[in-house]
Structure formats: structure tokens, C-alpha cells
């Protein structure tokens, strides 16, 4: 089976029948679900459940896309489980809240699918990953098409960071504070457990300062699918009007031979690629840092000093919930009774605080030099 095929299918809304038809067509174009899952095999569905956001917020994989994938699989196998390790949530009760608010729990109950919790880990390539990814015969990756302040794009490859269990993700962020370093980790995880099939929720995508509530929803009206997650992410980058290898995870994966070095080697099915490209697509403010090439450490430190961002809090939106403090891998955030405070000397600019803030209250400000060159 050629794994350089990516299908793109139009889907105007999250109405159940429309999503089902689009998901079925996207996989049919690849050869049908029987090419990816054999009768009776156990399948893990891995959606992108960043946090406890309602479906209309566009932060998590929409539950109707998960429903459509379940119904696609059911004629082949009844052994289907679904799970994720949301951003900074480590306790089962907190994960359960994410499952409930996102709508995933309701869909799984209605479709008779077991929800599982990534609370235990095993070391694979040095990373604490959920055993569910390895005890199931097949992994079906169901990410959301969004921007990401650190990696520019979060889709097939970045979604696998959710295989890291609970609060271990914070330590990985702290140990790998640069976008290129974190991208190597993400590709390590992709190599450790490559999905058998990727089906992307691109009906309502996210642009700007994604992947959380600070991003802006953008109607892309599509479902994307492919066996090779690198190829799918390369196509999504093209839909964002970006060179596929600008995305640091794509660049690292191609360097390792996990995807084609030439975008033209990807066979796009479902219609002319140009019909799916966005007229415009806003990137995160911090995306310039992810685009910096690898360079000597001394030069990197000097350039980073000039091209710097600082997180800040919009007090009119902040409710002092404390989630940003909990999410900070560097311990650079503290709260008092009135406001959130950043300890700038400790901040590693991972933007986990912006990613997880439920009210979009955290933004980033460019320093003077960066404002000059980005006018």
C-alpha cells in the first residue's frame, strides 16, 4: 500500500450524516477501512482533547468526527476504545471532566465504545507513553487541524504528544524548550508508534494563536485522511499557504526519511488541491521562532534575545483559575488574590500557559526589535 496518498473531502458542517459521509469517502479514496483494520482487531482512537472545551469552541476534535470514525470501524471490529491524555491533566477525575465537556464521553456511550484513561506509562525510546498505544492492534489518529504557537501546526504528528502520560508532558517541555528540540521529541514518538490511519477534523480549523482559546476559528470545511501522518501534515501546511518544510515537525520527519522530500510526490485525492487552499491563514505570533534554522548555541542565544516574546495577561478576561500556573513546566507563574505574575527569568517561552488558558486571557507581546522587523 502506497502511504503517500492523502485524501481531502468537503464537509460543510458537523451534522451527523454529513460528517459520516465525508469520513467514509475520505477513507474509501484510500482503499477502504479494510486496508487499515482487519476483522476483530482491537483499535485505539486517539482524538485531540486539549482541555475541557465544549465542541463549539473548536479546541478539541469534534465528537461527531469521532462518532463517524467509530461507525466506520464497527462493521470490521467491535473492539474499539477511545482515549487521550489532555494537556496538563494527570488525575482521572480531571480527565473525565475533559471527556464530558468535549462531548466525547457522550458519543462513546451512545456508540458503545469504552473510554480509556492514559494514567499509567511505560518507557518507549525514553518517553513515558501510554501502554494503550501498544496493547491495541491498530492506532487511528483523529486530530484537529489547528495552529500551534510552538510548532506552527498541530495535526497528525503533534497529536501523538498526547500519548505521553499526564504531567510528564511538562517535564518534556522543560527539557526541550526550543521548537526544533520539541519537534524531535514529537517525531521520536511518531516513530515509536506510527498511526495506522490518520483522519483529521478540518471542518472548523483554527488559525492565529492556537491551539487553545486564544486562537481564532476558521471554517475550512474538510476532512483529510492518510496512512502517513507526515504526508497529511505536509498537505495541511500547503492548505495554510506554507511551505510544508517550514513546519518543524515535518522538516524533522522528512530528514529521517519518514515522508517524501518533495511535496509533489504526495498523491492528493478527492479533487484539485487548489480547491482546498485557504485564501489566507494567520499564523501564531510566535511562529517566527519555530522557523529559525538550526545554528550554533551562542548565535542562537543572541538571536533569541533580539527576537523575543513575553506572555502577558489580559486582566479583563482572566478569572484567576490557576490553570496557567499548573501548566507551567518552568514554575514561572504565580497567582495572588488580584492577578497572575510571570517570573520572566524563569520563563522558557513554551507558551503552555497560552495553550491551556480556557478564556484566551494570555497573549504574547513582541519586543521592540521584533515589532520593527514584523511591521
Protein backbone atom coordinates (compact mmCIF):
# COMPACT_ATOMS: atom_id res chain seq x y z
CA UNK A 1 0.00 0.00 0.00
CA UNK A 2 1.41 3.36 -1.05
CA UNK A 3 1.41 5.56 2.02
CA UNK A 4 1.99 8.85 0.21
CA UNK A 5 -1.71 9.25 -0.57
CA UNK A 6 -3.76 11.93 1.18
CA UNK A 7 -7.49 12.36 0.63
CA UNK A 8 -9.36 15.64 1.03
CA UNK A 9 -13.16 15.67 1.15
CA UNK A 10 -15.52 18.60 1.58
CA UNK A 11 -17.73 18.69 4.67
CA UNK A 12 -19.76 21.83 5.33
CA UNK A 13 -20.89 21.23 8.91
CA UNK A 14 -20.83 18.88 11.90
CA UNK A 15 -24.26 17.49 11.08
CA UNK A 16 -24.01 13.76 11.77
CA UNK A 17 -24.90 12.46 8.31
CA UNK A 18 -22.59 14.95 6.53
CA UNK A 19 -19.62 14.06 8.71
CA UNK A 20 -20.27 10.34 8.29
CA UNK A 21 -20.41 10.64 4.52
CA UNK A 22 -17.20 12.72 4.40
CA UNK A 23 -15.22 10.38 6.66
CA UNK A 24 -16.37 7.32 4.71
CA UNK A 25 -15.45 8.96 1.38
CA UNK A 26 -12.03 10.09 2.65
CA UNK A 27 -11.15 6.54 3.67
CA UNK A 28 -12.76 4.99 0.58
CA UNK A 29 -10.43 7.07 -1.59
CA UNK A 30 -7.50 5.47 0.27
CA UNK A 31 -8.79 1.96 -0.44
CA UNK A 32 -11.39 1.45 2.30
CA UNK A 33 -11.18 0.81 6.02
CA UNK A 34 -10.39 -2.88 5.41
CA UNK A 35 -6.93 -1.84 4.16
CA UNK A 36 -6.12 -0.43 7.60
CA UNK A 37 -8.01 -2.60 10.10
CA UNK A 38 -8.57 -6.34 9.92
CA UNK A 39 -11.68 -8.12 11.28
CA UNK A 40 -11.69 -8.43 15.07
CA UNK A 41 -8.58 -6.30 15.69
CA UNK A 42 -8.51 -4.01 18.73
CA UNK A 43 -8.39 -0.33 17.78
CA UNK A 44 -7.43 2.72 19.83
CA UNK A 45 -8.96 6.02 18.69
CA UNK A 46 -6.77 8.98 19.64
CA UNK A 47 -8.60 12.32 19.28
CA UNK A 48 -7.07 15.68 20.19
CA UNK A 49 -8.57 16.58 23.58
CA UNK A 50 -6.53 19.55 24.70
CA UNK A 51 -8.79 20.67 27.52
CA UNK A 52 -12.37 20.79 28.82
CA UNK A 53 -13.81 22.86 25.98
CA UNK A 54 -17.30 22.48 24.54
CA UNK A 55 -17.46 21.31 20.89
CA UNK A 56 -18.45 24.75 19.55
CA UNK A 57 -15.18 26.19 20.93
CA UNK A 58 -13.25 24.34 18.21
CA UNK A 59 -10.40 23.43 20.57
CA UNK A 60 -10.85 19.64 20.64
CA UNK A 61 -11.62 17.08 17.95
CA UNK A 62 -15.35 17.38 17.39
CA UNK A 63 -17.33 14.45 18.86
CA UNK A 64 -19.24 13.94 15.59
CA UNK A 65 -15.98 13.18 13.80
CA UNK A 66 -15.17 10.60 16.47
CA UNK A 67 -18.68 9.16 16.06
CA UNK A 68 -18.17 8.87 12.30
CA UNK A 69 -14.87 7.03 12.76
CA UNK A 70 -16.47 4.62 15.24
CA UNK A 71 -19.27 3.85 12.79
CA UNK A 72 -16.75 3.39 10.00
CA UNK A 73 -14.87 0.82 12.09
CA UNK A 74 -17.82 -1.06 13.55
CA UNK A 75 -18.54 -3.32 10.54
CA UNK A 76 -14.91 -4.51 10.73
CA UNK A 77 -14.42 -4.80 14.50
CA UNK A 78 -16.33 -4.32 17.73
CA UNK A 79 -13.11 -3.96 19.75
CA UNK A 80 -12.79 -0.17 19.81
CA UNK A 81 -11.53 2.03 22.65
CA UNK A 82 -11.01 5.79 22.75
CA UNK A 83 -8.69 7.89 24.90
CA UNK A 84 -6.27 10.77 25.26
CA UNK A 85 -4.05 12.48 27.80
CA UNK A 86 -5.26 16.10 27.84
CA UNK A 87 -2.71 18.87 28.14
CA UNK A 88 -1.76 19.12 31.83
CA UNK A 89 -4.38 16.86 33.31
CA UNK A 90 -2.96 13.95 35.27
CA UNK A 91 -5.77 12.81 37.56
CA UNK A 92 -8.55 10.57 36.29
CA UNK A 93 -11.25 12.88 37.67
CA UNK A 94 -9.79 15.80 35.69
CA UNK A 95 -9.52 13.75 32.50
CA UNK A 96 -13.12 12.68 32.97
CA UNK A 97 -14.17 16.34 33.01
CA UNK A 98 -12.42 16.84 29.66
CA UNK A 99 -14.20 13.77 28.26
CA UNK A 100 -17.56 15.07 29.47
CA UNK A 101 -17.31 18.72 28.40
CA UNK A 102 -15.76 17.91 25.00
CA UNK A 103 -18.72 15.66 24.17
CA UNK A 104 -16.51 12.62 23.62
CA UNK A 105 -17.93 10.74 26.61
CA UNK A 106 -21.50 11.15 25.39
CA UNK A 107 -20.64 9.92 21.88
CA UNK A 108 -18.70 6.92 23.19
CA UNK A 109 -21.59 5.97 25.48
CA UNK A 110 -24.09 6.29 22.64
CA UNK A 111 -21.90 4.22 20.30
CA UNK A 112 -20.96 1.59 22.89
CA UNK A 113 -17.22 2.38 22.91
CA UNK A 114 -15.08 2.19 26.04
CA UNK A 115 -13.31 5.37 27.13
CA UNK A 116 -9.85 4.63 28.49
CA UNK A 117 -7.56 6.75 30.64
CA UNK A 118 -3.87 7.29 29.99
CA UNK A 119 -2.85 7.22 33.66
CA UNK A 120 -0.14 4.54 33.53
CA UNK A 121 3.01 4.71 31.43
CA UNK A 122 5.82 2.60 30.02
CA UNK A 123 9.13 3.92 28.76
CA UNK A 124 9.47 3.74 24.99
CA UNK A 125 12.53 5.43 23.46
CA UNK A 126 12.93 7.08 26.85
CA UNK A 127 9.45 8.64 26.87
CA UNK A 128 6.63 7.71 29.29
CA UNK A 129 3.93 6.63 26.84
CA UNK A 130 0.55 5.04 27.46
CA UNK A 131 0.55 1.22 27.17
CA UNK A 132 -2.80 1.52 25.34
CA UNK A 133 -0.90 2.63 22.23
CA UNK A 134 0.92 -0.71 22.17
CA UNK A 135 -1.66 -3.14 23.55
CA UNK A 136 -4.10 -2.32 20.72
CA UNK A 137 -3.56 -3.80 17.27
CA UNK A 138 -4.27 -0.53 15.47
CA UNK A 139 -3.99 3.16 16.28
CA UNK A 140 -6.36 5.51 14.47
CA UNK A 141 -5.26 9.11 14.94
CA UNK A 142 -8.13 11.65 14.88
CA UNK A 143 -6.51 15.07 15.32
CA UNK A 144 -7.84 18.61 14.92
CA UNK A 145 -6.42 20.98 12.26
CA UNK A 146 -5.05 23.94 14.28
CA UNK A 147 -2.17 26.34 14.56
CA UNK A 148 0.29 25.98 17.42
CA UNK A 149 2.47 28.71 18.88
CA UNK A 150 5.41 26.34 19.23
CA UNK A 151 5.23 24.06 16.18
CA UNK A 152 3.10 26.29 13.88
CA UNK A 153 0.82 23.34 13.01
CA UNK A 154 -0.76 20.76 15.27
CA UNK A 155 -2.35 17.84 13.47
CA UNK A 156 -1.21 14.24 12.93
CA UNK A 157 2.31 14.37 14.37
CA UNK A 158 1.74 16.81 17.23
CA UNK A 159 -1.41 14.96 18.34
CA UNK A 160 0.77 11.98 19.28
CA UNK A 161 2.32 14.06 22.06
CA UNK A 162 -0.90 13.10 23.84
CA UNK A 163 0.46 9.56 24.13
CA UNK A 164 2.76 10.97 26.83
CA UNK A 165 1.01 10.37 30.12
CA UNK A 166 -0.27 13.24 32.25
CA UNK A 167 2.16 15.65 33.84
CA UNK A 168 5.18 14.01 32.20
CA UNK A 169 4.48 16.36 29.28
CA UNK A 170 5.53 19.31 31.45
CA UNK A 171 8.99 17.83 32.06
CA UNK A 172 9.46 17.19 28.34
CA UNK A 173 8.57 20.82 27.63
CA UNK A 174 11.05 21.98 30.27
CA UNK A 175 13.83 19.72 28.95
CA UNK A 176 13.20 20.76 25.31
CA UNK A 177 12.38 24.48 25.43
CA UNK A 178 13.04 25.20 21.73
CA UNK A 179 10.60 24.40 18.93
CA UNK A 180 13.15 22.35 16.98
CA UNK A 181 14.05 20.30 20.07
CA UNK A 182 10.41 19.59 20.91
CA UNK A 183 9.80 18.68 17.27
CA UNK A 184 12.48 15.99 17.54
CA UNK A 185 10.64 14.56 20.55
CA UNK A 186 7.35 14.56 18.66
CA UNK A 187 8.93 12.72 15.73
CA UNK A 188 10.55 10.25 18.15
CA UNK A 189 7.07 9.44 19.46
CA UNK A 190 5.69 9.18 15.92
CA UNK A 191 8.44 6.67 15.11
CA UNK A 192 7.72 4.75 18.32
CA UNK A 193 4.03 4.32 17.47
CA UNK A 194 3.08 5.31 13.95
CA UNK A 195 -0.69 5.54 13.47
CA UNK A 196 -2.18 3.04 11.08
CA UNK A 197 -4.61 5.68 9.80
CA UNK A 198 -4.99 9.43 10.31
CA UNK A 199 -8.38 11.15 9.93
CA UNK A 200 -8.25 14.92 10.52
CA UNK A 201 -11.10 17.12 11.70
CA UNK A 202 -10.63 20.13 9.43
CA UNK A 203 -14.26 21.23 9.25
CA UNK A 204 -13.71 24.07 11.69
CA UNK A 205 -9.97 24.65 11.91
CA UNK A 206 -8.07 27.20 14.00
CA UNK A 207 -5.73 29.99 12.91
CA UNK A 208 -3.84 32.68 14.80
CA UNK A 209 -2.62 31.93 18.31
CA UNK A 210 -3.86 28.34 18.56
CA UNK A 211 -4.19 25.65 19.72
CA UNK A 212 -6.37 26.83 22.63
CA UNK A 213 -8.95 29.51 23.25
CA UNK A 214 -6.58 32.31 22.12
CA UNK A 215 -6.85 31.03 18.55
CA UNK A 216 -9.45 32.08 16.01
CA UNK A 217 -11.86 29.60 14.45
CA UNK A 218 -11.65 29.26 10.67
CA UNK A 219 -14.07 27.32 8.51
CA UNK A 220 -12.03 25.06 6.24
CA UNK A 221 -14.87 22.63 5.57
CA UNK A 222 -12.86 19.46 5.04
CA UNK A 223 -11.90 16.03 6.29
CA UNK A 224 -8.35 14.90 5.50
CA UNK A 225 -7.07 11.33 5.74
CA UNK A 226 -3.95 9.32 5.04
CA UNK A 227 -1.85 6.43 6.27
CA UNK A 228 1.30 8.54 6.54
CA UNK A 229 0.84 11.32 9.11
CA UNK A 230 3.81 13.24 7.72
CA UNK A 231 2.20 13.42 4.27
CA UNK A 232 -1.09 14.57 5.77
CA UNK A 233 0.64 17.31 7.77
CA UNK A 234 2.58 18.41 4.69
CA UNK A 235 -0.69 18.79 2.78
CA UNK A 236 -2.28 20.72 5.66
CA UNK A 237 0.71 23.08 5.68
CA UNK A 238 0.09 23.69 1.98
CA UNK A 239 -3.57 24.49 2.75
CA UNK A 240 -2.26 27.09 5.23
CA UNK A 241 -0.26 28.59 2.33
CA UNK A 242 3.01 27.49 3.93
CA UNK A 243 5.92 25.52 2.56
CA UNK A 244 5.47 22.03 4.01
CA UNK A 245 9.00 22.01 5.45
CA UNK A 246 8.52 25.29 7.32
CA UNK A 247 6.66 23.20 9.89
CA UNK A 248 9.46 21.95 12.19
CA UNK A 249 7.87 18.54 12.82
CA UNK A 250 7.54 17.97 9.07
CA UNK A 251 11.11 19.06 8.48
CA UNK A 252 12.46 16.69 11.14
CA UNK A 253 10.31 13.79 9.93
CA UNK A 254 11.45 14.26 6.31
CA UNK A 255 15.07 14.47 7.48
CA UNK A 256 14.59 10.98 8.97
CA UNK A 257 13.03 9.63 5.78
CA UNK A 258 9.54 9.32 7.26
CA UNK A 259 7.96 11.38 4.50
CA UNK A 260 8.75 12.43 0.93
CA UNK A 261 11.39 15.07 0.44
CA UNK A 262 9.40 16.59 -2.41
CA UNK A 263 5.83 17.72 -1.80
CA UNK A 264 4.99 16.79 -5.39
CA UNK A 265 5.49 13.11 -4.51
CA UNK A 266 2.29 13.20 -2.43
CA UNK A 267 -0.76 11.95 -4.30
CA UNK A 268 -3.70 14.15 -3.26
CA UNK A 269 -7.10 12.53 -3.85
CA UNK A 270 -10.60 14.00 -3.78
CA UNK A 271 -10.25 16.99 -6.07
CA UNK A 272 -7.79 19.66 -7.17
CA UNK A 273 -5.58 20.66 -4.26
CA UNK A 274 -6.09 24.31 -5.14
CA UNK A 275 -9.79 24.00 -4.31
CA UNK A 276 -8.94 23.38 -0.65
CA UNK A 277 -6.23 26.03 -0.10
CA UNK A 278 -7.30 28.83 2.24
CA UNK A 279 -7.50 32.34 0.78
CA UNK A 280 -5.50 33.41 3.82
CA UNK A 281 -4.35 31.73 7.03
CA UNK A 282 -3.00 33.61 10.03
CA UNK A 283 -0.05 32.03 11.85
CA UNK A 284 0.71 32.35 15.58
CA UNK A 285 2.63 35.44 16.63
CA UNK A 286 5.45 33.23 17.92
CA UNK A 287 5.76 31.23 14.68
CA UNK A 288 8.88 33.17 13.69
CA UNK A 289 10.79 31.35 16.47
CA UNK A 290 9.80 27.94 15.08
CA UNK A 291 11.06 28.98 11.64
CA UNK A 292 14.58 29.83 12.82
CA UNK A 293 17.19 27.44 11.33
CA UNK A 294 19.48 25.35 13.48
CA UNK A 295 22.57 27.35 14.42
CA UNK A 296 25.44 27.39 16.95
CA UNK A 297 24.23 27.82 20.55
CA UNK A 298 25.95 31.17 21.06
CA UNK A 299 24.35 32.63 17.94
CA UNK A 300 21.01 31.07 18.83
CA UNK A 301 21.06 32.70 22.28
CA UNK A 302 21.97 36.07 20.77
CA UNK A 303 19.27 35.93 18.12
CA UNK A 304 16.65 34.74 20.59
CA UNK A 305 17.47 37.72 22.79
CA UNK A 306 16.59 40.03 19.90
CA UNK A 307 13.60 38.04 18.63
CA UNK A 308 11.75 37.61 21.89
CA UNK A 309 8.17 37.41 23.07
CA UNK A 310 6.73 37.80 26.53
CA UNK A 311 3.44 36.34 27.72
CA UNK A 312 1.06 38.72 29.42
CA UNK A 313 -2.42 38.50 30.92
CA UNK A 314 -5.50 40.41 29.85
CA UNK A 315 -6.99 41.04 33.29
CA UNK A 316 -10.41 41.74 31.79
CA UNK A 317 -10.61 38.08 30.70
CA UNK A 318 -8.63 36.36 33.48
CA UNK A 319 -10.66 34.63 36.20
CA UNK A 320 -7.65 33.55 38.29
CA UNK A 321 -8.50 29.86 37.78
CA UNK A 322 -4.83 28.87 38.22
CA UNK A 323 -4.66 26.52 35.24
CA UNK A 324 -1.77 28.53 33.74
CA UNK A 325 0.22 28.12 36.94
CA UNK A 326 -0.45 24.40 36.94
CA UNK A 327 0.59 24.08 33.29
CA UNK A 328 3.90 25.99 33.54
CA UNK A 329 6.80 23.48 33.29
CA UNK A 330 9.31 26.11 34.46
CA UNK A 331 7.37 27.23 37.55
CA UNK A 332 7.45 30.78 36.21
CA UNK A 333 3.87 31.72 37.13
CA UNK A 334 2.37 32.63 40.49
CA UNK A 335 -1.03 33.96 41.48
CA UNK A 336 -2.17 36.29 44.21
CA UNK A 337 -5.66 37.46 45.02
CA UNK A 338 -5.66 40.04 42.24
CA UNK A 339 -3.61 38.86 39.28
CA UNK A 340 -1.22 36.46 37.55
CA UNK A 341 2.51 37.23 37.75
CA UNK A 342 5.24 35.97 35.39
CA UNK A 343 8.80 35.44 36.60
CA UNK A 344 10.50 36.42 33.34
CA UNK A 345 13.89 34.99 34.24
CA UNK A 346 12.40 31.51 34.54
CA UNK A 347 10.02 31.64 31.54
CA UNK A 348 11.11 29.31 28.71
CA UNK A 349 8.51 30.65 26.24
CA UNK A 350 6.91 27.25 25.74
CA UNK A 351 3.50 29.00 25.66
CA UNK A 352 1.83 26.18 27.59
CA UNK A 353 0.03 28.86 29.59
CA UNK A 354 -1.49 30.40 26.45
CA UNK A 355 -2.33 26.97 25.08
CA UNK A 356 -4.29 25.86 28.13
CA UNK A 357 -5.97 29.10 29.27
CA UNK A 358 -9.73 28.44 28.99
CA UNK A 359 -10.62 32.11 28.47
CA UNK A 360 -7.98 33.22 25.98
CA UNK A 361 -6.63 35.62 28.57
CA UNK A 362 -2.93 35.04 27.82
CA UNK A 363 -1.30 36.63 24.80
CA UNK A 364 2.28 37.27 23.75
CA UNK A 365 3.91 40.65 23.14
CA UNK A 366 6.78 41.19 20.75
CA UNK A 367 9.82 43.11 21.92
CA UNK A 368 10.80 46.38 20.22
CA UNK A 369 13.20 44.80 17.71
CA UNK A 370 10.67 42.18 16.67
CA UNK A 371 7.95 44.79 16.23
CA UNK A 372 10.24 46.71 13.86
CA UNK A 373 11.04 43.77 11.57
CA UNK A 374 7.45 42.41 11.54
CA UNK A 375 5.73 45.64 10.54
